[in-house]
Amino acid sequence: MSFTICVYCGSNEGENPAYAAAAAALARALVSRGAGIVYGGGMRGLMGEVAKVALEHRAPLTGIIPERFKSSRSAPPEGAVYLFVGSMQERKEKMRNLADAFVALPGGIGTIDEIAETLMMRSLGFHEKPLGLLNVGGFFDHFADLMQVAAGAGFVKQSLLDRLIISDDAEALVDALIAGIKPGNHGV
């Protein structure tokens, strides 16, 4: 089975060197299982760490980039494909359409937005694709707690949160994502 995993992550490296190490470990786990990778494009930050590993292993790598960033990221590295879209909304939609599953590394507002929108689209029945969070150093602990508060208050279905995969182990997380991919469930 061939499959593509969308990686949500920061365009910065963050303060903790463990974030970059985790991004590389995640990418190695993905490529060792034959996954293609869709990501936000570029060669900086955690995105760059994921891209470097994918390119070193000649794994399929597709970057989705809004047109407004074309001048600073227009030349894809050899072995990668960059697709340019009109907006951030189109970027997220394209990433969802190309992916069979999603995984998030630590990141900022953009990463949190991607996680939330992916969960929201799943809750509304637009897809059944698995989503995992690589919980480096407890990065997503407060997010998980907030989601549990929302579920307890009746705003989020517990069944949605029960399908969210959270792990601090890249290998185990990738295996769980792959196990959750349903044949023929490509695209949104």
Protein backbone atom coordinates (compact mmCIF):
# COMPACT_ATOMS: atom_id res chain seq x y z
CA MET A 1 0.00 0.00 0.00
CA SER A 2 1.39 3.40 -0.90
CA PHE A 3 0.37 6.27 1.31
CA THR A 4 1.13 9.90 2.02
CA ILE A 5 1.36 11.51 5.43
CA CYS A 6 0.88 15.24 5.92
CA VAL A 7 3.28 16.70 8.47
CA TYR A 8 2.20 19.87 10.25
CA CYS A 9 5.08 21.68 11.94
CA GLY A 10 6.77 24.97 12.56
CA SER A 11 8.81 26.95 10.07
CA ASN A 12 11.03 27.79 13.06
CA GLU A 13 13.09 25.33 15.09
CA GLY A 14 11.86 26.44 18.51
CA GLU A 15 14.03 26.89 21.57
CA ASN A 16 14.47 23.22 22.45
CA PRO A 17 16.90 21.21 20.26
CA ALA A 18 14.69 18.17 20.96
CA TYR A 19 12.12 19.58 18.51
CA ALA A 20 14.51 19.39 15.54
CA ALA A 21 15.69 15.95 16.62
CA ALA A 22 12.07 14.77 16.83
CA ALA A 23 11.29 16.19 13.37
CA ALA A 24 14.19 14.21 11.90
CA ALA A 25 13.17 11.06 13.83
CA LEU A 26 9.59 11.40 12.58
CA ALA A 27 10.73 11.82 8.99
CA ARG A 28 13.02 8.77 9.31
CA ALA A 29 10.11 6.72 10.69
CA LEU A 30 7.90 7.82 7.78
CA VAL A 31 10.40 7.15 5.01
CA SER A 32 11.44 3.80 6.49
CA ARG A 33 7.82 2.69 6.04
CA GLY A 34 7.61 3.95 2.47
CA ALA A 35 5.51 7.04 3.14
CA GLY A 36 5.37 10.03 0.90
CA ILE A 37 5.36 13.33 2.78
CA VAL A 38 3.26 16.44 2.24
CA TYR A 39 4.30 19.50 4.23
CA GLY A 40 4.23 23.29 4.20
CA GLY A 41 7.27 23.64 1.94
CA GLY A 42 10.59 25.30 2.51
CA MET A 43 13.86 24.28 4.09
CA ARG A 44 13.75 26.22 7.37
CA GLY A 45 12.81 25.21 10.88
CA LEU A 46 11.16 21.89 11.61
CA MET A 47 9.82 21.85 8.05
CA GLY A 48 13.42 21.89 6.85
CA GLU A 49 14.38 19.03 9.17
CA VAL A 50 11.56 16.88 7.77
CA ALA A 51 12.46 17.83 4.19
CA LYS A 52 16.18 17.09 4.61
CA VAL A 53 15.54 13.56 5.83
CA ALA A 54 12.96 12.89 3.10
CA LEU A 55 15.34 14.15 0.41
CA GLU A 56 18.29 12.17 1.81
CA HIS A 57 16.19 9.01 1.50
CA ARG A 58 14.65 9.99 -1.84
CA ALA A 59 11.15 9.78 -0.40
CA PRO A 60 8.35 11.56 -2.26
CA LEU A 61 8.18 15.10 -0.84
CA THR A 62 5.53 17.66 -1.75
CA GLY A 63 5.51 21.18 -0.37
CA ILE A 64 2.34 23.26 -0.50
CA ILE A 65 3.09 26.99 -0.45
CA PRO A 66 0.89 30.09 -0.72
CA GLU A 67 1.75 32.28 -3.73
CA ARG A 68 2.64 35.23 -1.48
CA PHE A 69 5.73 33.27 -0.31
CA LYS A 70 6.77 32.26 -3.83
CA SER A 71 9.78 34.56 -4.07
CA SER A 72 11.38 33.31 -0.84
CA ARG A 73 10.62 29.62 -1.41
CA SER A 74 10.13 29.32 -5.14
CA ALA A 75 12.89 26.89 -6.01
CA PRO A 76 12.21 23.45 -4.60
CA PRO A 77 15.27 21.43 -3.66
CA GLU A 78 16.16 18.66 -6.07
CA GLY A 79 13.82 15.74 -5.48
CA ALA A 80 10.92 17.79 -4.08
CA VAL A 81 7.79 19.10 -5.75
CA TYR A 82 6.34 22.44 -4.72
CA LEU A 83 2.74 23.33 -5.46
CA PHE A 84 1.70 26.97 -5.15
CA VAL A 85 -1.80 27.93 -4.04
CA GLY A 86 -3.66 31.20 -3.59
CA SER A 87 -4.20 31.25 0.16
CA MET A 88 -3.56 29.56 3.48
CA GLN A 89 -7.06 28.04 3.30
CA GLU A 90 -6.23 26.52 -0.10
CA ARG A 91 -2.93 25.27 1.32
CA LYS A 92 -4.66 23.39 4.15
CA GLU A 93 -7.26 21.98 1.77
CA LYS A 94 -4.60 20.79 -0.69
CA MET A 95 -2.58 19.20 2.12
CA ARG A 96 -5.70 17.38 3.38
CA ASN A 97 -6.60 16.22 -0.11
CA LEU A 98 -3.15 14.75 -0.77
CA ALA A 99 -2.81 13.02 2.60
CA ASP A 100 -3.97 9.66 3.93
CA ALA A 101 -3.12 10.66 7.52
CA PHE A 102 -1.77 13.63 9.47
CA VAL A 103 0.88 14.13 12.11
CA ALA A 104 1.82 17.31 13.93
CA LEU A 105 5.12 18.28 15.46
CA PRO A 106 5.50 21.26 17.78
CA GLY A 107 4.78 24.55 16.10
CA GLY A 108 3.08 27.89 16.45
CA ILE A 109 -0.28 29.35 15.54
CA GLY A 110 -0.24 27.88 12.03
CA THR A 111 0.36 24.36 13.34
CA ILE A 112 -2.34 24.70 15.99
CA ASP A 113 -4.71 26.00 13.29
CA GLU A 114 -3.94 23.00 11.07
CA ILE A 115 -4.54 20.56 13.93
CA ALA A 116 -7.81 22.23 14.92
CA GLU A 117 -9.11 22.40 11.35
CA THR A 118 -8.20 18.77 10.69
CA LEU A 119 -10.07 17.73 13.85
CA MET A 120 -13.02 19.95 12.95
CA MET A 121 -13.24 18.53 9.41
CA ARG A 122 -13.18 15.01 10.84
CA SER A 123 -15.85 15.87 13.42
CA LEU A 124 -18.12 17.10 10.60
CA GLY A 125 -17.57 13.92 8.58
CA PHE A 126 -15.46 15.37 5.79
CA HIS A 127 -12.78 12.72 6.33
CA GLU A 128 -11.93 9.68 8.47
CA LYS A 129 -8.16 10.09 8.31
CA PRO A 130 -6.06 9.56 11.43
CA LEU A 131 -4.34 12.47 13.15
CA GLY A 132 -1.38 12.11 15.49
CA LEU A 133 0.54 14.54 17.66
CA LEU A 134 4.22 13.89 18.36
CA ASN A 135 4.28 15.08 21.95
CA VAL A 136 7.91 16.18 22.26
CA GLY A 137 8.69 17.08 25.86
CA GLY A 138 4.99 17.36 26.70
CA PHE A 139 4.44 20.08 24.07
CA PHE A 140 0.83 19.01 23.39
CA ASP A 141 -0.16 18.22 27.00
CA HIS A 142 -2.07 21.48 27.48
CA PHE A 143 -3.77 21.13 24.09
CA ALA A 144 -4.96 17.64 25.05
CA ASP A 145 -6.14 18.97 28.42
CA LEU A 146 -8.06 21.79 26.71
CA MET A 147 -9.75 19.31 24.37
CA GLN A 148 -10.78 17.21 27.38
CA VAL A 149 -12.23 20.32 29.06
CA ALA A 150 -14.18 21.06 25.86
CA ALA A 151 -15.44 17.47 25.76
CA GLY A 152 -16.44 17.61 29.43
CA ALA A 153 -18.35 20.83 28.76
CA GLY A 154 -20.22 19.21 25.86
CA PHE A 155 -18.51 21.10 23.03
CA VAL A 156 -16.41 18.25 21.59
CA LYS A 157 -17.42 14.62 21.23
CA GLN A 158 -15.24 12.31 23.29
CA SER A 159 -15.28 9.83 20.40
CA LEU A 160 -13.38 12.38 18.28
CA LEU A 161 -10.71 12.78 20.95
CA ASP A 162 -10.49 9.02 21.46
CA ARG A 163 -9.27 8.73 17.84
CA LEU A 164 -6.58 11.39 18.29
CA ILE A 165 -3.21 9.63 18.59
CA ILE A 166 -0.77 11.30 21.00
CA SER A 167 2.67 9.82 21.60
CA ASP A 168 6.19 10.91 22.42
CA ASP A 169 7.58 8.00 20.34
CA ALA A 170 7.88 8.76 16.60
CA GLU A 171 8.07 5.10 15.58
CA ALA A 172 4.99 4.08 17.58
CA LEU A 173 3.07 7.12 16.37
CA VAL A 174 3.79 6.40 12.71
CA ASP A 175 2.77 2.76 13.15
CA ALA A 176 -0.51 3.84 14.76
CA LEU A 177 -1.19 6.30 11.94
CA ILE A 178 -0.54 3.68 9.28
CA ALA A 179 -2.79 1.20 11.09
CA GLY A 180 -5.57 3.79 11.00
CA ILE A 181 -5.44 4.44 7.26
CA LYS A 182 -8.50 3.07 5.51
CA PRO A 183 -8.02 1.89 1.90
CA GLY A 184 -9.70 4.18 -0.59
CA ASN A 185 -9.95 7.07 1.90
CA HIS A 186 -7.64 9.38 -0.03
CA GLY A 187 -8.74 12.99 -0.40
CA VAL A 188 -11.32 15.05 1.46
